[in-house]
Amino acid sequence: MDYAAAVKRIIEADNLARRQAAEAKERVRRLLGEQLEADKEKLKREYEQRVARRLEKIRAVEEAAASEERRQLEETHRQNMEKLESCYAQNRDAWIQRLFEYVTGDVSLPESMTNEGRT
């Protein structure tokens, strides 16, 4: 065997090994890049799903709180209307009589309602 031919074959084998190593390295880099993108998209979808679930929980809690607040306001309104109606029922005749007297001039206005009583 010729020494020069052997050296040439060794160099060719080394060059082939380097090219194959570079190609393998590039394939690994490309596959890792693709895997990284896939993982990134998966994490993004999972994060969006978690956010959507949290927002739904928050919305449900806020709706329940708003519903309870509205119920309380309606109850307060109902109670106030009952008090007003009760007060009106108790004082209606006296108020009508007093208004009649003020309009007809049969009674003088209380001092707090006259110009002299105002400061």
N, C-alpha and C. Protein backbone atom coordinates (compact mmCIF):
# COMPACT_ATOMS: atom_id res chain seq x y z
N MET A 1 0.83 -1.16 0.00
CA MET A 1 0.00 0.00 0.00
C MET A 1 0.89 1.24 0.00
N ASP A 2 0.43 2.16 -0.77
CA ASP A 2 1.17 3.39 -0.95
C ASP A 2 0.88 4.30 0.24
N TYR A 3 1.93 4.89 0.80
CA TYR A 3 1.79 5.77 1.95
C TYR A 3 0.98 7.01 1.59
N ALA A 4 1.17 7.60 0.49
CA ALA A 4 0.46 8.81 0.07
C ALA A 4 -1.02 8.50 -0.12
N ALA A 5 -1.34 7.32 -0.69
CA ALA A 5 -2.74 6.95 -0.89
C ALA A 5 -3.41 6.73 0.46
N ALA A 6 -2.69 6.14 1.39
CA ALA A 6 -3.24 5.91 2.72
C ALA A 6 -3.51 7.23 3.42
N VAL A 7 -2.59 8.17 3.33
CA VAL A 7 -2.76 9.48 3.95
C VAL A 7 -3.94 10.19 3.30
N LYS A 8 -4.03 10.08 1.95
CA LYS A 8 -5.14 10.71 1.23
C LYS A 8 -6.46 10.13 1.69
N ARG A 9 -6.54 8.80 1.87
CA ARG A 9 -7.78 8.16 2.33
C ARG A 9 -8.11 8.57 3.76
N ILE A 10 -7.08 8.74 4.58
CA ILE A 10 -7.30 9.18 5.96
C ILE A 10 -7.85 10.60 5.96
N ILE A 11 -7.28 11.46 5.12
CA ILE A 11 -7.74 12.85 5.04
C ILE A 11 -9.17 12.88 4.52
N GLU A 12 -9.46 12.08 3.48
CA GLU A 12 -10.82 12.02 2.94
C GLU A 12 -11.80 11.52 4.00
N ALA A 13 -11.38 10.50 4.76
CA ALA A 13 -12.25 9.96 5.81
C ALA A 13 -12.48 11.02 6.90
N ASP A 14 -11.42 11.76 7.23
CA ASP A 14 -11.54 12.82 8.22
C ASP A 14 -12.48 13.93 7.72
N ASN A 15 -12.31 14.32 6.45
CA ASN A 15 -13.19 15.34 5.87
C ASN A 15 -14.64 14.86 5.85
N LEU A 16 -14.84 13.60 5.47
CA LEU A 16 -16.20 13.03 5.45
C LEU A 16 -16.78 13.03 6.87
N ALA A 17 -15.98 12.66 7.84
CA ALA A 17 -16.44 12.62 9.23
C ALA A 17 -16.79 14.03 9.70
N ARG A 18 -15.98 15.02 9.31
CA ARG A 18 -16.26 16.41 9.70
C ARG A 18 -17.57 16.89 9.06
N ARG A 19 -17.75 16.58 7.74
CA ARG A 19 -18.99 16.98 7.07
C ARG A 19 -20.20 16.31 7.72
N GLN A 20 -20.07 15.03 8.02
CA GLN A 20 -21.17 14.31 8.66
C GLN A 20 -21.45 14.87 10.05
N ALA A 21 -20.40 15.22 10.77
CA ALA A 21 -20.57 15.80 12.11
C ALA A 21 -21.24 17.17 11.99
N ALA A 22 -20.83 17.97 11.00
CA ALA A 22 -21.44 19.29 10.81
C ALA A 22 -22.91 19.14 10.42
N GLU A 23 -23.19 18.17 9.52
CA GLU A 23 -24.58 17.94 9.12
C GLU A 23 -25.41 17.46 10.31
N ALA A 24 -24.84 16.57 11.10
CA ALA A 24 -25.55 16.08 12.29
C ALA A 24 -25.79 17.22 13.27
N LYS A 25 -24.77 18.04 13.43
CA LYS A 25 -24.90 19.18 14.33
C LYS A 25 -26.00 20.12 13.84
N GLU A 26 -26.04 20.38 12.53
CA GLU A 26 -27.08 21.25 11.95
C GLU A 26 -28.47 20.62 12.11
N ARG A 27 -28.58 19.30 11.89
CA ARG A 27 -29.86 18.61 12.08
C ARG A 27 -30.32 18.70 13.53
N VAL A 28 -29.40 18.52 14.46
CA VAL A 28 -29.74 18.61 15.89
C VAL A 28 -30.17 20.03 16.22
N ARG A 29 -29.45 21.04 15.69
CA ARG A 29 -29.80 22.42 15.93
C ARG A 29 -31.19 22.73 15.37
N ARG A 30 -31.48 22.26 14.15
CA ARG A 30 -32.78 22.49 13.54
C ARG A 30 -33.89 21.77 14.32
N LEU A 31 -33.64 20.51 14.69
CA LEU A 31 -34.64 19.76 15.46
C LEU A 31 -34.88 20.39 16.82
N LEU A 32 -33.81 20.85 17.46
CA LEU A 32 -33.97 21.52 18.76
C LEU A 32 -34.74 22.83 18.59
N GLY A 33 -34.46 23.56 17.52
CA GLY A 33 -35.20 24.79 17.25
C GLY A 33 -36.68 24.51 17.04
N GLU A 34 -36.98 23.47 16.27
CA GLU A 34 -38.38 23.10 16.03
C GLU A 34 -39.04 22.66 17.33
N GLN A 35 -38.31 21.88 18.13
CA GLN A 35 -38.85 21.42 19.41
C GLN A 35 -39.07 22.60 20.34
N LEU A 36 -38.14 23.54 20.34
CA LEU A 36 -38.27 24.72 21.17
C LEU A 36 -39.51 25.53 20.77
N GLU A 37 -39.73 25.70 19.47
CA GLU A 37 -40.92 26.41 18.99
C GLU A 37 -42.19 25.67 19.40
N ALA A 38 -42.18 24.34 19.25
CA ALA A 38 -43.36 23.55 19.64
C ALA A 38 -43.63 23.68 21.13
N ASP A 39 -42.56 23.61 21.93
CA ASP A 39 -42.72 23.76 23.39
C ASP A 39 -43.21 25.15 23.75
N LYS A 40 -42.68 26.15 23.04
CA LYS A 40 -43.10 27.53 23.29
C LYS A 40 -44.58 27.70 22.97
N GLU A 41 -45.05 27.16 21.86
CA GLU A 41 -46.47 27.24 21.50
C GLU A 41 -47.34 26.48 22.50
N LYS A 42 -46.86 25.34 22.96
CA LYS A 42 -47.61 24.56 23.95
C LYS A 42 -47.74 25.35 25.26
N LEU A 43 -46.64 25.94 25.72
CA LEU A 43 -46.69 26.75 26.94
C LEU A 43 -47.62 27.94 26.77
N LYS A 44 -47.58 28.56 25.59
CA LYS A 44 -48.45 29.70 25.33
C LYS A 44 -49.91 29.28 25.41
N ARG A 45 -50.27 28.16 24.79
CA ARG A 45 -51.66 27.67 24.85
C ARG A 45 -52.07 27.34 26.29
N GLU A 46 -51.17 26.68 27.02
CA GLU A 46 -51.48 26.34 28.41
C GLU A 46 -51.68 27.60 29.25
N TYR A 47 -50.82 28.60 29.03
CA TYR A 47 -50.94 29.86 29.76
C TYR A 47 -52.26 30.55 29.42
N GLU A 48 -52.60 30.59 28.14
CA GLU A 48 -53.86 31.21 27.73
C GLU A 48 -55.06 30.47 28.34
N GLN A 49 -54.98 29.15 28.41
CA GLN A 49 -56.07 28.38 29.03
C GLN A 49 -56.17 28.69 30.52
N ARG A 50 -55.03 28.79 31.20
CA ARG A 50 -55.05 29.13 32.63
C ARG A 50 -55.64 30.51 32.84
N VAL A 51 -55.22 31.45 32.01
CA VAL A 51 -55.74 32.82 32.12
C VAL A 51 -57.25 32.82 31.89
N ALA A 52 -57.70 32.08 30.88
CA ALA A 52 -59.14 32.02 30.59
C ALA A 52 -59.91 31.43 31.78
N ARG A 53 -59.35 30.38 32.38
CA ARG A 53 -60.03 29.78 33.55
C ARG A 53 -60.07 30.77 34.72
N ARG A 54 -58.96 31.46 34.95
CA ARG A 54 -58.94 32.43 36.04
C ARG A 54 -59.92 33.57 35.78
N LEU A 55 -59.94 34.05 34.56
CA LEU A 55 -60.88 35.13 34.22
C LEU A 55 -62.32 34.67 34.40
N GLU A 56 -62.61 33.43 34.06
CA GLU A 56 -63.97 32.91 34.23
C GLU A 56 -64.32 32.85 35.71
N LYS A 57 -63.38 32.41 36.54
CA LYS A 57 -63.62 32.37 37.98
C LYS A 57 -63.85 33.78 38.53
N ILE A 58 -63.01 34.72 38.11
CA ILE A 58 -63.16 36.10 38.56
C ILE A 58 -64.50 36.65 38.12
N ARG A 59 -64.87 36.39 36.86
CA ARG A 59 -66.16 36.88 36.35
C ARG A 59 -67.30 36.30 37.18
N ALA A 60 -67.24 35.01 37.49
CA ALA A 60 -68.29 34.37 38.27
C ALA A 60 -68.38 34.99 39.67
N VAL A 61 -67.23 35.23 40.30
CA VAL A 61 -67.22 35.83 41.64
C VAL A 61 -67.78 37.25 41.58
N GLU A 62 -67.35 38.01 40.57
CA GLU A 62 -67.83 39.39 40.46
C GLU A 62 -69.33 39.43 40.17
N GLU A 63 -69.80 38.52 39.33
CA GLU A 63 -71.24 38.48 39.05
C GLU A 63 -72.03 38.12 40.30
N ALA A 64 -71.51 37.17 41.08
CA ALA A 64 -72.19 36.80 42.32
C ALA A 64 -72.21 37.98 43.29
N ALA A 65 -71.08 38.69 43.39
CA ALA A 65 -71.02 39.84 44.29
C ALA A 65 -71.97 40.94 43.81
N ALA A 66 -72.01 41.18 42.51
CA ALA A 66 -72.90 42.21 41.97
C ALA A 66 -74.36 41.80 42.18
N SER A 67 -74.65 40.53 42.01
CA SER A 67 -76.01 40.05 42.22
C SER A 67 -76.43 40.23 43.67
N GLU A 68 -75.53 39.91 44.59
CA GLU A 68 -75.83 40.07 46.02
C GLU A 68 -76.00 41.55 46.37
N GLU A 69 -75.14 42.40 45.82
CA GLU A 69 -75.25 43.83 46.08
C GLU A 69 -76.58 44.37 45.54
N ARG A 70 -76.94 43.91 44.36
CA ARG A 70 -78.22 44.35 43.78
C ARG A 70 -79.39 43.87 44.64
N ARG A 71 -79.30 42.63 45.12
CA ARG A 71 -80.37 42.10 45.98
C ARG A 71 -80.49 42.95 47.24
N GLN A 72 -79.35 43.30 47.82
CA GLN A 72 -79.37 44.13 49.03
C GLN A 72 -79.94 45.52 48.75
N LEU A 73 -79.55 46.10 47.61
CA LEU A 73 -80.09 47.42 47.25
C LEU A 73 -81.60 47.34 47.04
N GLU A 74 -82.04 46.30 46.37
CA GLU A 74 -83.48 46.14 46.15
C GLU A 74 -84.22 45.96 47.46
N GLU A 75 -83.61 45.22 48.39
CA GLU A 75 -84.24 45.02 49.70
C GLU A 75 -84.29 46.34 50.46
N THR A 76 -83.19 47.10 50.44
CA THR A 76 -83.18 48.41 51.09
C THR A 76 -84.22 49.33 50.46
N HIS A 77 -84.30 49.32 49.15
CA HIS A 77 -85.30 50.13 48.45
C HIS A 77 -86.72 49.72 48.85
N ARG A 78 -86.95 48.42 48.91
CA ARG A 78 -88.27 47.92 49.30
C ARG A 78 -88.62 48.38 50.72
N GLN A 79 -87.65 48.27 51.64
CA GLN A 79 -87.89 48.68 53.03
C GLN A 79 -88.15 50.18 53.10
N ASN A 80 -87.36 50.96 52.36
CA ASN A 80 -87.56 52.41 52.37
C ASN A 80 -88.93 52.78 51.80
N MET A 81 -89.34 52.09 50.75
CA MET A 81 -90.67 52.36 50.18
C MET A 81 -91.77 52.00 51.18
N GLU A 82 -91.59 50.90 51.89
CA GLU A 82 -92.57 50.53 52.92
C GLU A 82 -92.65 51.60 54.00
N LYS A 83 -91.48 52.10 54.44
CA LYS A 83 -91.46 53.15 55.46
C LYS A 83 -92.14 54.42 54.95
N LEU A 84 -91.83 54.78 53.70
CA LEU A 84 -92.43 55.96 53.11
C LEU A 84 -93.95 55.81 53.00
N GLU A 85 -94.38 54.66 52.52
CA GLU A 85 -95.82 54.42 52.39
C GLU A 85 -96.50 54.41 53.75
N SER A 86 -95.83 53.84 54.76
CA SER A 86 -96.37 53.83 56.11
C SER A 86 -96.47 55.24 56.66
N CYS A 87 -95.41 56.03 56.47
CA CYS A 87 -95.41 57.41 56.92
C CYS A 87 -96.50 58.20 56.22
N TYR A 88 -96.65 57.99 54.92
CA TYR A 88 -97.69 58.67 54.16
C TYR A 88 -99.07 58.27 54.69
N ALA A 89 -99.26 56.96 54.91
CA ALA A 89 -100.56 56.49 55.39
C ALA A 89 -100.89 57.09 56.76
N GLN A 90 -99.88 57.21 57.62
CA GLN A 90 -100.10 57.74 58.96
C GLN A 90 -100.35 59.24 58.95
N ASN A 91 -99.70 59.95 58.03
CA ASN A 91 -99.73 61.41 58.07
C ASN A 91 -100.52 62.06 56.93
N ARG A 92 -101.07 61.28 56.04
CA ARG A 92 -101.74 61.81 54.86
C ARG A 92 -102.82 62.82 55.23
N ASP A 93 -103.70 62.43 56.10
CA ASP A 93 -104.81 63.32 56.45
C ASP A 93 -104.30 64.62 57.09
N ALA A 94 -103.34 64.52 57.98
CA ALA A 94 -102.79 65.71 58.64
C ALA A 94 -102.08 66.59 57.62
N TRP A 95 -101.34 66.00 56.68
CA TRP A 95 -100.64 66.78 55.65
C TRP A 95 -101.64 67.49 54.74
N ILE A 96 -102.67 66.77 54.36
CA ILE A 96 -103.70 67.38 53.50
C ILE A 96 -104.37 68.54 54.23
N GLN A 97 -104.71 68.34 55.50
CA GLN A 97 -105.34 69.39 56.30
C GLN A 97 -104.42 70.61 56.41
N ARG A 98 -103.14 70.35 56.71
CA ARG A 98 -102.19 71.43 56.86
C ARG A 98 -102.02 72.19 55.54
N LEU A 99 -101.89 71.49 54.43
CA LEU A 99 -101.78 72.15 53.12
C LEU A 99 -103.03 72.99 52.83
N PHE A 100 -104.19 72.41 53.15
CA PHE A 100 -105.45 73.15 52.93
C PHE A 100 -105.46 74.44 53.73
N GLU A 101 -105.03 74.34 54.99
CA GLU A 101 -105.01 75.53 55.84
C GLU A 101 -104.03 76.57 55.32
N TYR A 102 -102.84 76.13 54.85
CA TYR A 102 -101.87 77.07 54.31
C TYR A 102 -102.38 77.74 53.05
N VAL A 103 -103.03 76.97 52.19
CA VAL A 103 -103.53 77.50 50.92
C VAL A 103 -104.69 78.47 51.18
N THR A 104 -105.57 78.13 52.10
CA THR A 104 -106.73 78.98 52.37
C THR A 104 -106.40 80.12 53.32
N GLY A 105 -105.27 80.05 53.95
CA GLY A 105 -104.88 81.11 54.86
C GLY A 105 -105.52 80.98 56.22
N ASP A 106 -106.06 79.86 56.56
CA ASP A 106 -106.70 79.66 57.85
C ASP A 106 -105.69 79.54 58.99
N VAL A 107 -104.47 79.29 58.69
CA VAL A 107 -103.46 79.14 59.73
C VAL A 107 -102.18 79.80 59.23
N SER A 108 -101.39 80.31 60.15
CA SER A 108 -100.15 80.96 59.72
C SER A 108 -99.08 79.90 59.54
N LEU A 109 -98.14 80.24 58.67
CA LEU A 109 -97.03 79.32 58.44
C LEU A 109 -96.13 79.29 59.67
N PRO A 110 -95.49 78.17 59.93
CA PRO A 110 -94.52 78.13 61.02
C PRO A 110 -93.41 79.14 60.72
N GLU A 111 -92.80 79.65 61.78
CA GLU A 111 -91.79 80.69 61.64
C GLU A 111 -90.64 80.24 60.75
N SER A 112 -90.31 78.95 60.77
CA SER A 112 -89.21 78.44 59.97
C SER A 112 -89.51 78.52 58.48
N MET A 113 -90.79 78.68 58.09
CA MET A 113 -91.16 78.72 56.69
C MET A 113 -91.51 80.13 56.19
N THR A 114 -91.43 81.11 57.06
CA THR A 114 -91.72 82.48 56.66
C THR A 114 -90.44 83.21 56.33
N ASN A 115 -90.55 84.36 55.65
CA ASN A 115 -89.38 85.14 55.28
C ASN A 115 -88.67 85.68 56.51
N GLU A 116 -89.42 85.99 57.58
CA GLU A 116 -88.80 86.53 58.80
C GLU A 116 -87.97 85.46 59.49
N GLY A 117 -88.39 84.19 59.38
CA GLY A 117 -87.66 83.11 60.06
C GLY A 117 -86.45 82.66 59.30
N ARG A 118 -86.29 83.09 58.04
CA ARG A 118 -85.14 82.67 57.23
C ARG A 118 -83.97 83.63 57.46
N THR A 119 -82.84 83.08 57.57
CA THR A 119 -81.66 83.93 57.78
C THR A 119 -80.67 83.77 56.67
